[in-house]
Amino acid sequence: MEGLMVDEGTTMAHLRGLLEAFAGALFGADKRTRFRPGYYPFTEPS
């Protein structure tokens, strides 16, 4: 399952906020989350 959002002014902060809300709804609001560096050729930064 992939997701894509494209618009003017879209930022990494929007991505993080969405994924944290998603993880809380799917696994529970009490679960901690984190970002860490990764690599994918079609995203930068990953």
ModelCIF file with pLDDT and N, C-alpha, C, O atoms, coordinates in Angstrom:
data_MODEL
#
_entry.id   MODEL 
#
_entity.id                         1 
_entity.type                       polymer 
_entity.pdbx_number_of_molecules   1 
#
_entity_poly.entity_id                      1 
_entity_poly.type                           'polypeptide(L)' 
_entity_poly.nstd_linkage                   no 
_entity_poly.nstd_monomer                   no 
_entity_poly.pdbx_seq_one_letter_code       MEGLMVDEGTTMAHLRGLLEAFAGALFGADKRTRFRPGYYPFTEPS 
_entity_poly.pdbx_seq_one_letter_code_can   MEGLMVDEGTTMAHLRGLLEAFAGALFGADKRTRFRPGYYPFTEPS 
_entity_poly.pdbx_strand_id                 A 
#
loop_
_entity_poly_seq.entity_id 
_entity_poly_seq.num 
_entity_poly_seq.mon_id 
_entity_poly_seq.hetero 
1 1  MET n 
1 2  GLU n 
1 3  GLY n 
1 4  LEU n 
1 5  MET n 
1 6  VAL n 
1 7  ASP n 
1 8  GLU n 
1 9  GLY n 
1 10 THR n 
1 11 THR n 
1 12 MET n 
1 13 ALA n 
1 14 HIS n 
1 15 LEU n 
1 16 ARG n 
1 17 GLY n 
1 18 LEU n 
1 19 LEU n 
1 20 GLU n 
1 21 ALA n 
1 22 PHE n 
1 23 ALA n 
1 24 GLY n 
1 25 ALA n 
1 26 LEU n 
1 27 PHE n 
1 28 GLY n 
1 29 ALA n 
1 30 ASP n 
1 31 LYS n 
1 32 ARG n 
1 33 THR n 
1 34 ARG n 
1 35 PHE n 
1 36 ARG n 
1 37 PRO n 
1 38 GLY n 
1 39 TYR n 
1 40 TYR n 
1 41 PRO n 
1 42 PHE n 
1 43 THR n 
1 44 GLU n 
1 45 PRO n 
1 46 SER n 
#
_struct_asym.id          A 
_struct_asym.entity_id   1 
#
loop_
_ma_qa_metric.id 
_ma_qa_metric.mode 
_ma_qa_metric.name 
_ma_qa_metric.software_group_id 
_ma_qa_metric.type 
1 global pLDDT . pLDDT 
2 local  pLDDT . pLDDT 
#
_ma_qa_metric_global.metric_id      1 
_ma_qa_metric_global.metric_value   93.09 
_ma_qa_metric_global.model_id       1 
_ma_qa_metric_global.ordinal_id     1 
#
loop_
_ma_qa_metric_local.label_asym_id 
_ma_qa_metric_local.label_comp_id 
_ma_qa_metric_local.label_seq_id 
_ma_qa_metric_local.metric_id 
_ma_qa_metric_local.metric_value 
_ma_qa_metric_local.model_id 
_ma_qa_metric_local.ordinal_id 
A MET 1  2 94.00 1 1  
A GLU 2  2 95.00 1 2  
A GLY 3  2 96.00 1 3  
A LEU 4  2 97.00 1 4  
A MET 5  2 97.00 1 5  
A VAL 6  2 97.00 1 6  
A ASP 7  2 96.00 1 7  
A GLU 8  2 95.00 1 8  
A GLY 9  2 92.00 1 9  
A THR 10 2 95.00 1 10 
A THR 11 2 95.00 1 11 
A MET 12 2 95.00 1 12 
A ALA 13 2 95.00 1 13 
A HIS 14 2 96.00 1 14 
A LEU 15 2 96.00 1 15 
A ARG 16 2 95.00 1 16 
A GLY 17 2 94.00 1 17 
A LEU 18 2 96.00 1 18 
A LEU 19 2 95.00 1 19 
A GLU 20 2 94.00 1 20 
A ALA 21 2 94.00 1 21 
A PHE 22 2 95.00 1 22 
A ALA 23 2 93.00 1 23 
A GLY 24 2 92.00 1 24 
A ALA 25 2 93.00 1 25 
A LEU 26 2 91.00 1 26 
A PHE 27 2 88.00 1 27 
A GLY 28 2 87.00 1 28 
A ALA 29 2 87.00 1 29 
A ASP 30 2 86.00 1 30 
A LYS 31 2 86.00 1 31 
A ARG 32 2 90.00 1 32 
A THR 33 2 91.00 1 33 
A ARG 34 2 93.00 1 34 
A PHE 35 2 92.00 1 35 
A ARG 36 2 93.00 1 36 
A PRO 37 2 94.00 1 37 
A GLY 38 2 91.00 1 38 
A TYR 39 2 90.00 1 39 
A TYR 40 2 91.00 1 40 
A PRO 41 2 91.00 1 41 
A PHE 42 2 93.00 1 42 
A THR 43 2 94.00 1 43 
A GLU 44 2 93.00 1 44 
A PRO 45 2 94.00 1 45 
A SER 46 2 95.00 1 46 
#
loop_
_atom_site.group_PDB 
_atom_site.id 
_atom_site.type_symbol 
_atom_site.label_atom_id 
_atom_site.label_alt_id 
_atom_site.label_comp_id 
_atom_site.label_asym_id 
_atom_site.label_entity_id 
_atom_site.label_seq_id 
_atom_site.pdbx_PDB_ins_code 
_atom_site.Cartn_x 
_atom_site.Cartn_y 
_atom_site.Cartn_z 
_atom_site.occupancy 
_atom_site.B_iso_or_equiv 
_atom_site.pdbx_formal_charge 
_atom_site.auth_seq_id 
_atom_site.auth_comp_id 
_atom_site.auth_asym_id 
_atom_site.auth_atom_id 
_atom_site.pdbx_PDB_model_num 
ATOM 1   N N  . MET A 1 1  ? 0.867  -1.172 0.000  1.00 94.00 ? 1  MET A N  1 
ATOM 2   C CA . MET A 1 1  ? 0.000  0.000  0.000  1.00 94.00 ? 1  MET A CA 1 
ATOM 3   C C  . MET A 1 1  ? 0.905  1.223  0.000  1.00 94.00 ? 1  MET A C  1 
ATOM 4   O O  . MET A 1 1  ? 1.680  1.439  0.931  1.00 94.00 ? 1  MET A O  1 
ATOM 5   N N  . GLU A 1 2  ? 0.794  2.018  -1.058 1.00 95.00 ? 2  GLU A N  1 
ATOM 6   C CA . GLU A 1 2  ? 1.603  3.234  -1.143 1.00 95.00 ? 2  GLU A CA 1 
ATOM 7   C C  . GLU A 1 2  ? 0.697  4.450  -1.092 1.00 95.00 ? 2  GLU A C  1 
ATOM 8   O O  . GLU A 1 2  ? -0.468 4.405  -1.487 1.00 95.00 ? 2  GLU A O  1 
ATOM 9   N N  . GLY A 1 3  ? 1.265  5.536  -0.595 1.00 96.00 ? 3  GLY A N  1 
ATOM 10  C CA . GLY A 1 3  ? 0.544  6.798  -0.556 1.00 96.00 ? 3  GLY A CA 1 
ATOM 11  C C  . GLY A 1 3  ? 1.345  7.885  -1.233 1.00 96.00 ? 3  GLY A C  1 
ATOM 12  O O  . GLY A 1 3  ? 2.575  7.877  -1.208 1.00 96.00 ? 3  GLY A O  1 
ATOM 13  N N  . LEU A 1 4  ? 0.628  8.832  -1.846 1.00 97.00 ? 4  LEU A N  1 
ATOM 14  C CA . LEU A 1 4  ? 1.282  9.939  -2.548 1.00 97.00 ? 4  LEU A CA 1 
ATOM 15  C C  . LEU A 1 4  ? 0.492  11.214 -2.284 1.00 97.00 ? 4  LEU A C  1 
ATOM 16  O O  . LEU A 1 4  ? -0.729 11.252 -2.438 1.00 97.00 ? 4  LEU A O  1 
ATOM 17  N N  . MET A 1 5  ? 1.209  12.249 -1.887 1.00 97.00 ? 5  MET A N  1 
ATOM 18  C CA . MET A 1 5  ? 0.602  13.575 -1.748 1.00 97.00 ? 5  MET A CA 1 
ATOM 19  C C  . MET A 1 5  ? 1.483  14.580 -2.460 1.00 97.00 ? 5  MET A C  1 
ATOM 20  O O  . MET A 1 5  ? 2.678  14.670 -2.179 1.00 97.00 ? 5  MET A O  1 
ATOM 21  N N  . VAL A 1 6  ? 0.904  15.339 -3.382 1.00 97.00 ? 6  VAL A N  1 
ATOM 22  C CA . VAL A 1 6  ? 1.641  16.361 -4.133 1.00 97.00 ? 6  VAL A CA 1 
ATOM 23  C C  . VAL A 1 6  ? 0.819  17.641 -4.116 1.00 97.00 ? 6  VAL A C  1 
ATOM 24  O O  . VAL A 1 6  ? -0.377 17.628 -4.407 1.00 97.00 ? 6  VAL A O  1 
ATOM 25  N N  . ASP A 1 7  ? 1.461  18.729 -3.778 1.00 96.00 ? 7  ASP A N  1 
ATOM 26  C CA . ASP A 1 7  ? 0.800  20.032 -3.759 1.00 96.00 ? 7  ASP A CA 1 
ATOM 27  C C  . ASP A 1 7  ? 1.872  21.107 -3.649 1.00 96.00 ? 7  ASP A C  1 
ATOM 28  O O  . ASP A 1 7  ? 3.060  20.796 -3.560 1.00 96.00 ? 7  ASP A O  1 
ATOM 29  N N  . GLU A 1 8  ? 1.471  22.330 -3.655 1.00 95.00 ? 8  GLU A N  1 
ATOM 30  C CA . GLU A 1 8  ? 2.412  23.423 -3.442 1.00 95.00 ? 8  GLU A CA 1 
ATOM 31  C C  . GLU A 1 8  ? 2.703  23.546 -1.941 1.00 95.00 ? 8  GLU A C  1 
ATOM 32  O O  . GLU A 1 8  ? 1.780  23.571 -1.127 1.00 95.00 ? 8  GLU A O  1 
ATOM 33  N N  . GLY A 1 9  ? 3.956  23.621 -1.587 1.00 92.00 ? 9  GLY A N  1 
ATOM 34  C CA . GLY A 1 9  ? 4.317  23.826 -0.200 1.00 92.00 ? 9  GLY A CA 1 
ATOM 35  C C  . GLY A 1 9  ? 4.286  22.591 0.669  1.00 92.00 ? 9  GLY A C  1 
ATOM 36  O O  . GLY A 1 9  ? 4.317  22.724 1.892  1.00 92.00 ? 9  GLY A O  1 
ATOM 37  N N  . THR A 1 10 ? 4.226  21.385 0.104  1.00 95.00 ? 10 THR A N  1 
ATOM 38  C CA . THR A 1 10 ? 4.232  20.162 0.902  1.00 95.00 ? 10 THR A CA 1 
ATOM 39  C C  . THR A 1 10 ? 5.615  19.956 1.519  1.00 95.00 ? 10 THR A C  1 
ATOM 40  O O  . THR A 1 10 ? 6.626  20.126 0.837  1.00 95.00 ? 10 THR A O  1 
ATOM 41  N N  . THR A 1 11 ? 5.669  19.595 2.789  1.00 95.00 ? 11 THR A N  1 
ATOM 42  C CA . THR A 1 11 ? 6.940  19.476 3.494  1.00 95.00 ? 11 THR A CA 1 
ATOM 43  C C  . THR A 1 11 ? 7.049  18.137 4.218  1.00 95.00 ? 11 THR A C  1 
ATOM 44  O O  . THR A 1 11 ? 6.086  17.375 4.307  1.00 95.00 ? 11 THR A O  1 
ATOM 45  N N  . MET A 1 12 ? 8.248  17.875 4.729  1.00 95.00 ? 12 MET A N  1 
ATOM 46  C CA . MET A 1 12 ? 8.487  16.676 5.520  1.00 95.00 ? 12 MET A CA 1 
ATOM 47  C C  . MET A 1 12 ? 7.670  16.701 6.814  1.00 95.00 ? 12 MET A C  1 
ATOM 48  O O  . MET A 1 12 ? 7.289  15.649 7.327  1.00 95.00 ? 12 MET A O  1 
ATOM 49  N N  . ALA A 1 13 ? 7.403  17.887 7.334  1.00 95.00 ? 13 ALA A N  1 
ATOM 50  C CA . ALA A 1 13 ? 6.588  17.993 8.544  1.00 95.00 ? 13 ALA A CA 1 
ATOM 51  C C  . ALA A 1 13 ? 5.178  17.453 8.297  1.00 95.00 ? 13 ALA A C  1 
ATOM 52  O O  . ALA A 1 13 ? 4.598  16.810 9.172  1.00 95.00 ? 13 ALA A O  1 
ATOM 53  N N  . HIS A 1 14 ? 4.632  17.711 7.119  1.00 96.00 ? 14 HIS A N  1 
ATOM 54  C CA . HIS A 1 14 ? 3.312  17.166 6.779  1.00 96.00 ? 14 HIS A CA 1 
ATOM 55  C C  . HIS A 1 14 ? 3.361  15.638 6.758  1.00 96.00 ? 14 HIS A C  1 
ATOM 56  O O  . HIS A 1 14 ? 2.448  14.967 7.239  1.00 96.00 ? 14 HIS A O  1 
ATOM 57  N N  . LEU A 1 15 ? 4.441  15.105 6.193  1.00 96.00 ? 15 LEU A N  1 
ATOM 58  C CA . LEU A 1 15 ? 4.592  13.653 6.122  1.00 96.00 ? 15 LEU A CA 1 
ATOM 59  C C  . LEU A 1 15 ? 4.654  13.056 7.529  1.00 96.00 ? 15 LEU A C  1 
ATOM 60  O O  . LEU A 1 15 ? 3.979  12.069 7.824  1.00 96.00 ? 15 LEU A O  1 
ATOM 61  N N  . ARG A 1 16 ? 5.466  13.663 8.388  1.00 95.00 ? 16 ARG A N  1 
ATOM 62  C CA . ARG A 1 16 ? 5.620  13.105 9.734  1.00 95.00 ? 16 ARG A CA 1 
ATOM 63  C C  . ARG A 1 16 ? 4.309  13.190 10.518 1.00 95.00 ? 16 ARG A C  1 
ATOM 64  O O  . ARG A 1 16 ? 3.930  12.234 11.195 1.00 95.00 ? 16 ARG A O  1 
ATOM 65  N N  . GLY A 1 17 ? 3.632  14.305 10.433 1.00 94.00 ? 17 GLY A N  1 
ATOM 66  C CA . GLY A 1 17 ? 2.367  14.441 11.139 1.00 94.00 ? 17 GLY A CA 1 
ATOM 67  C C  . GLY A 1 17 ? 1.337  13.418 10.679 1.00 94.00 ? 17 GLY A C  1 
ATOM 68  O O  . GLY A 1 17 ? 0.606  12.853 11.492 1.00 94.00 ? 17 GLY A O  1 
ATOM 69  N N  . LEU A 1 18 ? 1.284  13.181 9.350  1.00 96.00 ? 18 LEU A N  1 
ATOM 70  C CA . LEU A 1 18 ? 0.338  12.200 8.819  1.00 96.00 ? 18 LEU A CA 1 
ATOM 71  C C  . LEU A 1 18 ? 0.666  10.798 9.314  1.00 96.00 ? 18 LEU A C  1 
ATOM 72  O O  . LEU A 1 18 ? -0.220 10.070 9.759  1.00 96.00 ? 18 LEU A O  1 
ATOM 73  N N  . LEU A 1 19 ? 1.951  10.417 9.236  1.00 95.00 ? 19 LEU A N  1 
ATOM 74  C CA . LEU A 1 19 ? 2.329  9.059  9.618  1.00 95.00 ? 19 LEU A CA 1 
ATOM 75  C C  . LEU A 1 19 ? 2.164  8.818  11.117 1.00 95.00 ? 19 LEU A C  1 
ATOM 76  O O  . LEU A 1 19 ? 1.821  7.707  11.523 1.00 95.00 ? 19 LEU A O  1 
ATOM 77  N N  . GLU A 1 20 ? 2.396  9.819  11.932 1.00 94.00 ? 20 GLU A N  1 
ATOM 78  C CA . GLU A 1 20 ? 2.193  9.639  13.369 1.00 94.00 ? 20 GLU A CA 1 
ATOM 79  C C  . GLU A 1 20 ? 0.713  9.469  13.688 1.00 94.00 ? 20 GLU A C  1 
ATOM 80  O O  . GLU A 1 20 ? 0.349  8.657  14.538 1.00 94.00 ? 20 GLU A O  1 
ATOM 81  N N  . ALA A 1 21 ? -0.131 10.223 13.017 1.00 94.00 ? 21 ALA A N  1 
ATOM 82  C CA . ALA A 1 21 ? -1.573 10.069 13.220 1.00 94.00 ? 21 ALA A CA 1 
ATOM 83  C C  . ALA A 1 21 ? -2.045 8.711  12.721 1.00 94.00 ? 21 ALA A C  1 
ATOM 84  O O  . ALA A 1 21 ? -2.896 8.071  13.340 1.00 94.00 ? 21 ALA A O  1 
ATOM 85  N N  . PHE A 1 22 ? -1.484 8.278  11.596 1.00 95.00 ? 22 PHE A N  1 
ATOM 86  C CA . PHE A 1 22 ? -1.845 6.973  11.043 1.00 95.00 ? 22 PHE A CA 1 
ATOM 87  C C  . PHE A 1 22 ? -1.444 5.838  11.974 1.00 95.00 ? 22 PHE A C  1 
ATOM 88  O O  . PHE A 1 22 ? -2.242 4.937  12.231 1.00 95.00 ? 22 PHE A O  1 
ATOM 89  N N  . ALA A 1 23 ? -0.212 5.874  12.483 1.00 93.00 ? 23 ALA A N  1 
ATOM 90  C CA . ALA A 1 23 ? 0.259  4.820  13.376 1.00 93.00 ? 23 ALA A CA 1 
ATOM 91  C C  . ALA A 1 23 ? -0.556 4.788  14.662 1.00 93.00 ? 23 ALA A C  1 
ATOM 92  O O  . ALA A 1 23 ? -0.859 3.712  15.176 1.00 93.00 ? 23 ALA A O  1 
ATOM 93  N N  . GLY A 1 24 ? -0.912 5.956  15.183 1.00 92.00 ? 24 GLY A N  1 
ATOM 94  C CA . GLY A 1 24 ? -1.728 5.994  16.390 1.00 92.00 ? 24 GLY A CA 1 
ATOM 95  C C  . GLY A 1 24 ? -3.094 5.392  16.178 1.00 92.00 ? 24 GLY A C  1 
ATOM 96  O O  . GLY A 1 24 ? -3.609 4.701  17.056 1.00 92.00 ? 24 GLY A O  1 
ATOM 97  N N  . ALA A 1 25 ? -3.704 5.646  15.003 1.00 93.00 ? 25 ALA A N  1 
ATOM 98  C CA . ALA A 1 25 ? -5.032 5.092  14.717 1.00 93.00 ? 25 ALA A CA 1 
ATOM 99  C C  . ALA A 1 25 ? -4.976 3.592  14.479 1.00 93.00 ? 25 ALA A C  1 
ATOM 100 O O  . ALA A 1 25 ? -5.921 2.876  14.808 1.00 93.00 ? 25 ALA A O  1 
ATOM 101 N N  . LEU A 1 26 ? -3.867 3.107  13.904 1.00 91.00 ? 26 LEU A N  1 
ATOM 102 C CA . LEU A 1 26 ? -3.781 1.698  13.552 1.00 91.00 ? 26 LEU A CA 1 
ATOM 103 C C  . LEU A 1 26 ? -3.307 0.827  14.710 1.00 91.00 ? 26 LEU A C  1 
ATOM 104 O O  . LEU A 1 26 ? -3.812 -0.278 14.910 1.00 91.00 ? 26 LEU A O  1 
ATOM 105 N N  . PHE A 1 27 ? -2.330 1.330  15.476 1.00 88.00 ? 27 PHE A N  1 
ATOM 106 C CA . PHE A 1 27 ? -1.718 0.508  16.526 1.00 88.00 ? 27 PHE A CA 1 
ATOM 107 C C  . PHE A 1 27 ? -2.011 0.992  17.945 1.00 88.00 ? 27 PHE A C  1 
ATOM 108 O O  . PHE A 1 27 ? -1.751 0.273  18.910 1.00 88.00 ? 27 PHE A O  1 
ATOM 109 N N  . GLY A 1 28 ? -2.549 2.201  18.077 1.00 87.00 ? 28 GLY A N  1 
ATOM 110 C CA . GLY A 1 28 ? -2.820 2.741  19.398 1.00 87.00 ? 28 GLY A CA 1 
ATOM 111 C C  . GLY A 1 28 ? -2.086 4.043  19.619 1.00 87.00 ? 28 GLY A C  1 
ATOM 112 O O  . GLY A 1 28 ? -0.922 4.190  19.244 1.00 87.00 ? 28 GLY A O  1 
ATOM 113 N N  . ALA A 1 29 ? -2.781 4.988  20.233 1.00 87.00 ? 29 ALA A N  1 
ATOM 114 C CA . ALA A 1 29 ? -2.187 6.319  20.415 1.00 87.00 ? 29 ALA A CA 1 
ATOM 115 C C  . ALA A 1 29 ? -1.022 6.313  21.390 1.00 87.00 ? 29 ALA A C  1 
ATOM 116 O O  . ALA A 1 29 ? -0.238 7.262  21.416 1.00 87.00 ? 29 ALA A O  1 
ATOM 117 N N  . ASP A 1 30 ? -0.895 5.260  22.194 1.00 86.00 ? 30 ASP A N  1 
ATOM 118 C CA . ASP A 1 30 ? 0.174  5.209  23.182 1.00 86.00 ? 30 ASP A CA 1 
ATOM 119 C C  . ASP A 1 30 ? 1.497  4.711  22.611 1.00 86.00 ? 30 ASP A C  1 
ATOM 120 O O  . ASP A 1 30 ? 2.510  4.717  23.311 1.00 86.00 ? 30 ASP A O  1 
ATOM 121 N N  . LYS A 1 31 ? 1.504  4.282  21.353 1.00 86.00 ? 31 LYS A N  1 
ATOM 122 C CA . LYS A 1 31 ? 2.735  3.752  20.761 1.00 86.00 ? 31 LYS A CA 1 
ATOM 123 C C  . LYS A 1 31 ? 3.644  4.884  20.282 1.00 86.00 ? 31 LYS A C  1 
ATOM 124 O O  . LYS A 1 31 ? 3.208  5.781  19.561 1.00 86.00 ? 31 LYS A O  1 
ATOM 125 N N  . ARG A 1 32 ? 4.919  4.830  20.694 1.00 90.00 ? 32 ARG A N  1 
ATOM 126 C CA . ARG A 1 32 ? 5.884  5.826  20.242 1.00 90.00 ? 32 ARG A CA 1 
ATOM 127 C C  . ARG A 1 32 ? 6.302  5.545  18.796 1.00 90.00 ? 32 ARG A C  1 
ATOM 128 O O  . ARG A 1 32 ? 6.281  4.399  18.346 1.00 90.00 ? 32 ARG A O  1 
ATOM 129 N N  . THR A 1 33 ? 6.674  6.588  18.089 1.00 91.00 ? 33 THR A N  1 
ATOM 130 C CA . THR A 1 33 ? 7.139  6.462  16.707 1.00 91.00 ? 33 THR A CA 1 
ATOM 131 C C  . THR A 1 33 ? 8.445  7.239  16.542 1.00 91.00 ? 33 THR A C  1 
ATOM 132 O O  . THR A 1 33 ? 8.804  8.075  17.372 1.00 91.00 ? 33 THR A O  1 
ATOM 133 N N  . ARG A 1 34 ? 9.142  6.936  15.444 1.00 93.00 ? 34 ARG A N  1 
ATOM 134 C CA . ARG A 1 34 ? 10.373 7.689  15.168 1.00 93.00 ? 34 ARG A CA 1 
ATOM 135 C C  . ARG A 1 34 ? 10.675 7.654  13.675 1.00 93.00 ? 34 ARG A C  1 
ATOM 136 O O  . ARG A 1 34 ? 10.296 6.723  12.964 1.00 93.00 ? 34 ARG A O  1 
ATOM 137 N N  . PHE A 1 35 ? 11.367 8.694  13.222 1.00 92.00 ? 35 PHE A N  1 
ATOM 138 C CA . PHE A 1 35 ? 11.926 8.763  11.881 1.00 92.00 ? 35 PHE A CA 1 
ATOM 139 C C  . PHE A 1 35 ? 13.412 8.448  11.985 1.00 92.00 ? 35 PHE A C  1 
ATOM 140 O O  . PHE A 1 35 ? 14.065 8.792  12.970 1.00 92.00 ? 35 PHE A O  1 
ATOM 141 N N  . ARG A 1 36 ? 13.927 7.799  10.971 1.00 93.00 ? 36 ARG A N  1 
ATOM 142 C CA . ARG A 1 36 ? 15.383 7.622  10.891 1.00 93.00 ? 36 ARG A CA 1 
ATOM 143 C C  . ARG A 1 36 ? 15.771 7.617  9.419  1.00 93.00 ? 36 ARG A C  1 
ATOM 144 O O  . ARG A 1 36 ? 14.941 7.295  8.569  1.00 93.00 ? 36 ARG A O  1 
ATOM 145 N N  . PRO A 1 37 ? 16.997 7.961  9.102  1.00 94.00 ? 37 PRO A N  1 
ATOM 146 C CA . PRO A 1 37 ? 17.408 8.080  7.699  1.00 94.00 ? 37 PRO A CA 1 
ATOM 147 C C  . PRO A 1 37 ? 17.240 6.761  6.944  1.00 94.00 ? 37 PRO A C  1 
ATOM 148 O O  . PRO A 1 37 ? 17.415 5.679  7.505  1.00 94.00 ? 37 PRO A O  1 
ATOM 149 N N  . GLY A 1 38 ? 16.906 6.873  5.694  1.00 91.00 ? 38 GLY A N  1 
ATOM 150 C CA . GLY A 1 38 ? 16.772 5.716  4.823  1.00 91.00 ? 38 GLY A CA 1 
ATOM 151 C C  . GLY A 1 38 ? 17.193 6.087  3.416  1.00 91.00 ? 38 GLY A C  1 
ATOM 152 O O  . GLY A 1 38 ? 17.654 7.201  3.165  1.00 91.00 ? 38 GLY A O  1 
ATOM 153 N N  . TYR A 1 39 ? 17.030 5.136  2.492  1.00 90.00 ? 39 TYR A N  1 
ATOM 154 C CA . TYR A 1 39 ? 17.365 5.421  1.094  1.00 90.00 ? 39 TYR A CA 1 
ATOM 155 C C  . TYR A 1 39 ? 16.376 4.729  0.168  1.00 90.00 ? 39 TYR A C  1 
ATOM 156 O O  . TYR A 1 39 ? 16.139 3.525  0.271  1.00 90.00 ? 39 TYR A O  1 
ATOM 157 N N  . TYR A 1 40 ? 15.809 5.508  -0.732 1.00 91.00 ? 40 TYR A N  1 
ATOM 158 C CA . TYR A 1 40 ? 14.986 4.999  -1.831 1.00 91.00 ? 40 TYR A CA 1 
ATOM 159 C C  . TYR A 1 40 ? 15.278 5.881  -3.026 1.00 91.00 ? 40 TYR A C  1 
ATOM 160 O O  . TYR A 1 40 ? 15.330 7.102  -2.879 1.00 91.00 ? 40 TYR A O  1 
ATOM 161 N N  . PRO A 1 41 ? 15.471 5.311  -4.199 1.00 91.00 ? 41 PRO A N  1 
ATOM 162 C CA . PRO A 1 41 ? 15.870 6.122  -5.357 1.00 91.00 ? 41 PRO A CA 1 
ATOM 163 C C  . PRO A 1 41 ? 14.808 7.121  -5.805 1.00 91.00 ? 41 PRO A C  1 
ATOM 164 O O  . PRO A 1 41 ? 15.134 8.085  -6.498 1.00 91.00 ? 41 PRO A O  1 
ATOM 165 N N  . PHE A 1 42 ? 13.551 6.918  -5.429 1.00 93.00 ? 42 PHE A N  1 
ATOM 166 C CA . PHE A 1 42 ? 12.507 7.815  -5.918 1.00 93.00 ? 42 PHE A CA 1 
ATOM 167 C C  . PHE A 1 42 ? 12.100 8.866  -4.883 1.00 93.00 ? 42 PHE A C  1 
ATOM 168 O O  . PHE A 1 42 ? 11.167 9.630  -5.131 1.00 93.00 ? 42 PHE A O  1 
ATOM 169 N N  . THR A 1 43 ? 12.776 8.925  -3.728 1.00 94.00 ? 43 THR A N  1 
ATOM 170 C CA . THR A 1 43 ? 12.524 9.981  -2.749 1.00 94.00 ? 43 THR A CA 1 
ATOM 171 C C  . THR A 1 43 ? 13.857 10.577 -2.277 1.00 94.00 ? 43 THR A C  1 
ATOM 172 O O  . THR A 1 43 ? 14.879 9.891  -2.237 1.00 94.00 ? 43 THR A O  1 
ATOM 173 N N  . GLU A 1 44 ? 13.824 11.866 -1.923 1.00 93.00 ? 44 GLU A N  1 
ATOM 174 C CA . GLU A 1 44 ? 15.026 12.546 -1.428 1.00 93.00 ? 44 GLU A CA 1 
ATOM 175 C C  . GLU A 1 44 ? 14.606 13.795 -0.646 1.00 93.00 ? 44 GLU A C  1 
ATOM 176 O O  . GLU A 1 44 ? 14.075 14.729 -1.246 1.00 93.00 ? 44 GLU A O  1 
ATOM 177 N N  . PRO A 1 45 ? 14.823 13.841 0.664  1.00 94.00 ? 45 PRO A N  1 
ATOM 178 C CA . PRO A 1 45 ? 15.426 12.803 1.498  1.00 94.00 ? 45 PRO A CA 1 
ATOM 179 C C  . PRO A 1 45 ? 14.463 11.639 1.738  1.00 94.00 ? 45 PRO A C  1 
ATOM 180 O O  . PRO A 1 45 ? 13.253 11.757 1.544  1.00 94.00 ? 45 PRO A O  1 
ATOM 181 N N  . SER A 1 46 ? 15.039 10.508 2.167  1.00 95.00 ? 46 SER A N  1 
ATOM 182 C CA . SER A 1 46 ? 14.264 9.307  2.450  1.00 95.00 ? 46 SER A CA 1 
ATOM 183 C C  . SER A 1 46 ? 14.366 8.963  3.923  1.00 95.00 ? 46 SER A C  1 
ATOM 184 O O  . SER A 1 46 ? 13.779 7.978  4.368  1.00 95.00 ? 46 SER A O  1 
#
